[in-house]
Amino acid sequence: MGDLDWGPVVGGYLGSMLLGAACIAVGLWVSALTRNQIVAWLVGAMALLMLNLVGNAAFAESMPQGLGRALIEADFSFHFRSMSRGVVDLADLIFYGAVTAFFLCLNGLAIERRRWAG
């Protein structure tokens, strides 16, 4: 069997938790925008699918280089890939923290808007 390499194990667990937190924050925001649970699930699943696959569009030949790099940086799986190999980069931690905080703030604003609208 052999000795376990703890870098990928710890990085994978940390990356999974951060990716899960970001996905839950996106799902909560989408859920706060609608009153129907099925619509919230469908829209949330599509939003998360786009956020996980947006980096693939960056490799199209007709894509401008600057926009392609921005799409790669916005891809959820791009930041998870390095963490699953055991490389915990500060940029990846900041990305997931910023995405989670951003969508949780949007969630709070959506709930406040619904509360004040009656």
C-alpha atoms as a PDB file:
ATOM      1  CA  MET A   1       0.000   0.000   0.000  1.00  0.00           C
ATOM      2  CA  GLY A   2       2.463   2.716   1.010  1.00  0.00           C
ATOM      3  CA  ASP A   3       2.464   5.997   2.845  1.00  0.00           C
ATOM      4  CA  LEU A   4      -0.312   8.487   2.284  1.00  0.00           C
ATOM      5  CA  ASP A   5       0.571  11.850   0.743  1.00  0.00           C
ATOM      6  CA  TRP A   6      -1.217  14.311   3.010  1.00  0.00           C
ATOM      7  CA  GLY A   7      -0.933  17.324   0.684  1.00  0.00           C
ATOM      8  CA  PRO A   8      -3.589  16.191  -1.818  1.00  0.00           C
ATOM      9  CA  VAL A   9      -5.772  14.843   0.990  1.00  0.00           C
ATOM     10  CA  VAL A  10      -5.837  18.100   2.944  1.00  0.00           C
ATOM     11  CA  GLY A  11      -6.042  20.183  -0.234  1.00  0.00           C
ATOM     12  CA  GLY A  12      -8.899  18.058  -1.558  1.00  0.00           C
ATOM     13  CA  TYR A  13     -10.878  18.364   1.651  1.00  0.00           C
ATOM     14  CA  LEU A  14     -10.256  22.102   1.902  1.00  0.00           C
ATOM     15  CA  GLY A  15     -11.098  22.618  -1.760  1.00  0.00           C
ATOM     16  CA  SER A  16     -14.269  20.553  -1.419  1.00  0.00           C
ATOM     17  CA  MET A  17     -15.424  22.604   1.554  1.00  0.00           C
ATOM     18  CA  LEU A  18     -14.708  25.911  -0.183  1.00  0.00           C
ATOM     19  CA  LEU A  19     -16.324  24.795  -3.440  1.00  0.00           C
ATOM     20  CA  GLY A  20     -19.340  23.553  -1.490  1.00  0.00           C
ATOM     21  CA  ALA A  21     -19.653  26.852   0.374  1.00  0.00           C
ATOM     22  CA  ALA A  22     -19.555  28.805  -2.893  1.00  0.00           C
ATOM     23  CA  CYS A  23     -22.130  26.517  -4.525  1.00  0.00           C
ATOM     24  CA  ILE A  24     -24.435  26.708  -1.513  1.00  0.00           C
ATOM     25  CA  ALA A  25     -24.190  30.514  -1.537  1.00  0.00           C
ATOM     26  CA  VAL A  26     -25.156  30.606  -5.225  1.00  0.00           C
ATOM     27  CA  GLY A  27     -28.049  28.229  -4.566  1.00  0.00           C
ATOM     28  CA  LEU A  28     -29.277  30.283  -1.623  1.00  0.00           C
ATOM     29  CA  TRP A  29     -29.253  33.446  -3.715  1.00  0.00           C
ATOM     30  CA  VAL A  30     -31.202  31.816  -6.536  1.00  0.00           C
ATOM     31  CA  SER A  31     -33.635  30.392  -4.005  1.00  0.00           C
ATOM     32  CA  ALA A  32     -34.194  33.838  -2.492  1.00  0.00           C
ATOM     33  CA  LEU A  33     -35.109  35.235  -5.911  1.00  0.00           C
ATOM     34  CA  THR A  34     -38.025  32.884  -6.533  1.00  0.00           C
ATOM     35  CA  ARG A  35     -40.952  31.547  -4.568  1.00  0.00           C
ATOM     36  CA  ASN A  36     -41.107  28.173  -6.334  1.00  0.00           C
ATOM     37  CA  GLN A  37     -38.725  25.484  -5.105  1.00  0.00           C
ATOM     38  CA  ILE A  38     -38.581  23.613  -8.408  1.00  0.00           C
ATOM     39  CA  VAL A  39     -37.758  26.754 -10.368  1.00  0.00           C
ATOM     40  CA  ALA A  40     -35.110  27.645  -7.796  1.00  0.00           C
ATOM     41  CA  TRP A  41     -33.523  24.207  -8.161  1.00  0.00           C
ATOM     42  CA  LEU A  42     -33.535  24.330 -11.969  1.00  0.00           C
ATOM     43  CA  VAL A  43     -32.136  27.861 -12.174  1.00  0.00           C
ATOM     44  CA  GLY A  44     -29.591  27.113  -9.449  1.00  0.00           C
ATOM     45  CA  ALA A  45     -28.431  23.946 -11.197  1.00  0.00           C
ATOM     46  CA  MET A  46     -28.054  25.817 -14.492  1.00  0.00           C
ATOM     47  CA  ALA A  47     -26.163  28.678 -12.814  1.00  0.00           C
ATOM     48  CA  LEU A  48     -23.764  26.250 -11.133  1.00  0.00           C
ATOM     49  CA  LEU A  49     -23.307  24.328 -14.366  1.00  0.00           C
ATOM     50  CA  MET A  50     -22.364  27.552 -16.136  1.00  0.00           C
ATOM     51  CA  LEU A  51     -19.981  28.539 -13.341  1.00  0.00           C
ATOM     52  CA  ASN A  52     -18.296  25.137 -13.532  1.00  0.00           C
ATOM     53  CA  LEU A  53     -18.016  25.105 -17.319  1.00  0.00           C
ATOM     54  CA  VAL A  54     -17.333  28.753 -18.115  1.00  0.00           C
ATOM     55  CA  GLY A  55     -13.622  28.046 -18.460  1.00  0.00           C
ATOM     56  CA  ASN A  56     -14.247  25.669 -21.358  1.00  0.00           C
ATOM     57  CA  ALA A  57     -15.617  28.521 -23.463  1.00  0.00           C
ATOM     58  CA  ALA A  58     -12.326  30.357 -23.048  1.00  0.00           C
ATOM     59  CA  PHE A  59     -10.578  27.856 -25.286  1.00  0.00           C
ATOM     60  CA  ALA A  60     -12.648  28.745 -28.342  1.00  0.00           C
ATOM     61  CA  GLU A  61     -10.478  30.093 -31.142  1.00  0.00           C
ATOM     62  CA  SER A  62     -12.679  33.133 -31.719  1.00  0.00           C
ATOM     63  CA  MET A  63     -12.434  34.233 -28.061  1.00  0.00           C
ATOM     64  CA  PRO A  64     -10.336  37.357 -27.411  1.00  0.00           C
ATOM     65  CA  GLN A  65      -7.343  36.559 -25.214  1.00  0.00           C
ATOM     66  CA  GLY A  66      -8.273  38.930 -22.359  1.00  0.00           C
ATOM     67  CA  LEU A  67     -11.860  37.689 -22.161  1.00  0.00           C
ATOM     68  CA  GLY A  68     -10.664  34.097 -22.355  1.00  0.00           C
ATOM     69  CA  ARG A  69      -8.324  34.592 -19.396  1.00  0.00           C
ATOM     70  CA  ALA A  70     -11.137  36.239 -17.384  1.00  0.00           C
ATOM     71  CA  LEU A  71     -13.441  33.282 -18.103  1.00  0.00           C
ATOM     72  CA  ILE A  72     -10.768  30.826 -17.009  1.00  0.00           C
ATOM     73  CA  GLU A  73     -10.273  32.766 -13.758  1.00  0.00           C
ATOM     74  CA  ALA A  74     -14.057  32.735 -13.115  1.00  0.00           C
ATOM     75  CA  ASP A  75     -14.278  28.966 -13.535  1.00  0.00           C
ATOM     76  CA  PHE A  76     -14.976  27.072 -10.299  1.00  0.00           C
ATOM     77  CA  SER A  77     -13.202  23.907 -11.440  1.00  0.00           C
ATOM     78  CA  PHE A  78     -10.034  25.837 -12.400  1.00  0.00           C
ATOM     79  CA  HIS A  79      -9.508  26.868  -8.787  1.00  0.00           C
ATOM     80  CA  PHE A  80     -10.453  23.433  -7.444  1.00  0.00           C
ATOM     81  CA  ARG A  81      -8.042  21.543  -9.707  1.00  0.00           C
ATOM     82  CA  SER A  82      -4.872  22.851  -8.090  1.00  0.00           C
ATOM     83  CA  MET A  83      -6.218  22.382  -4.568  1.00  0.00           C
ATOM     84  CA  SER A  84      -7.089  18.755  -5.276  1.00  0.00           C
ATOM     85  CA  ARG A  85      -3.439  18.152  -6.210  1.00  0.00           C
ATOM     86  CA  GLY A  86      -2.329  19.539  -2.850  1.00  0.00           C
ATOM     87  CA  VAL A  87      -1.368  23.068  -3.942  1.00  0.00           C
ATOM     88  CA  VAL A  88      -3.252  25.483  -1.675  1.00  0.00           C
ATOM     89  CA  ASP A  89      -2.805  28.870  -3.318  1.00  0.00           C
ATOM     90  CA  LEU A  90      -3.885  32.098  -1.642  1.00  0.00           C
ATOM     91  CA  ALA A  91      -5.574  33.222  -4.877  1.00  0.00           C
ATOM     92  CA  ASP A  92      -7.847  30.165  -4.802  1.00  0.00           C
ATOM     93  CA  LEU A  93      -8.769  30.772  -1.160  1.00  0.00           C
ATOM     94  CA  ILE A  94      -9.552  34.418  -1.904  1.00  0.00           C
ATOM     95  CA  PHE A  95     -11.603  33.450  -4.973  1.00  0.00           C
ATOM     96  CA  TYR A  96     -13.833  31.038  -3.090  1.00  0.00           C
ATOM     97  CA  GLY A  97     -14.135  33.375  -0.110  1.00  0.00           C
ATOM     98  CA  ALA A  98     -15.060  36.312  -2.339  1.00  0.00           C
ATOM     99  CA  VAL A  99     -17.607  34.316  -4.348  1.00  0.00           C
ATOM    100  CA  THR A 100     -19.200  32.976  -1.177  1.00  0.00           C
ATOM    101  CA  ALA A 101     -19.355  36.409   0.470  1.00  0.00           C
ATOM    102  CA  PHE A 102     -20.649  38.067  -2.717  1.00  0.00           C
ATOM    103  CA  PHE A 103     -23.534  35.651  -3.198  1.00  0.00           C
ATOM    104  CA  LEU A 104     -24.408  35.631   0.506  1.00  0.00           C
ATOM    105  CA  CYS A 105     -24.618  39.446   0.381  1.00  0.00           C
ATOM    106  CA  LEU A 106     -26.842  39.209  -2.696  1.00  0.00           C
ATOM    107  CA  ASN A 107     -28.959  36.691  -0.806  1.00  0.00           C
ATOM    108  CA  GLY A 108     -29.358  39.073   2.126  1.00  0.00           C
ATOM    109  CA  LEU A 109     -30.327  41.910  -0.220  1.00  0.00           C
ATOM    110  CA  ALA A 110     -32.904  39.729  -1.978  1.00  0.00           C
ATOM    111  CA  ILE A 111     -34.457  38.710   1.330  1.00  0.00           C
ATOM    112  CA  GLU A 112     -34.529  42.323   2.549  1.00  0.00           C
ATOM    113  CA  ARG A 113     -36.132  43.438  -0.712  1.00  0.00           C
ATOM    114  CA  ARG A 114     -38.823  40.788  -0.342  1.00  0.00           C
ATOM    115  CA  ARG A 115     -39.392  41.788   3.296  1.00  0.00           C
ATOM    116  CA  TRP A 116     -39.840  45.467   2.464  1.00  0.00           C
ATOM    117  CA  ALA A 117     -42.008  44.750  -0.589  1.00  0.00           C
ATOM    118  CA  GLY A 118     -44.541  43.084   1.619  1.00  0.00           C
END
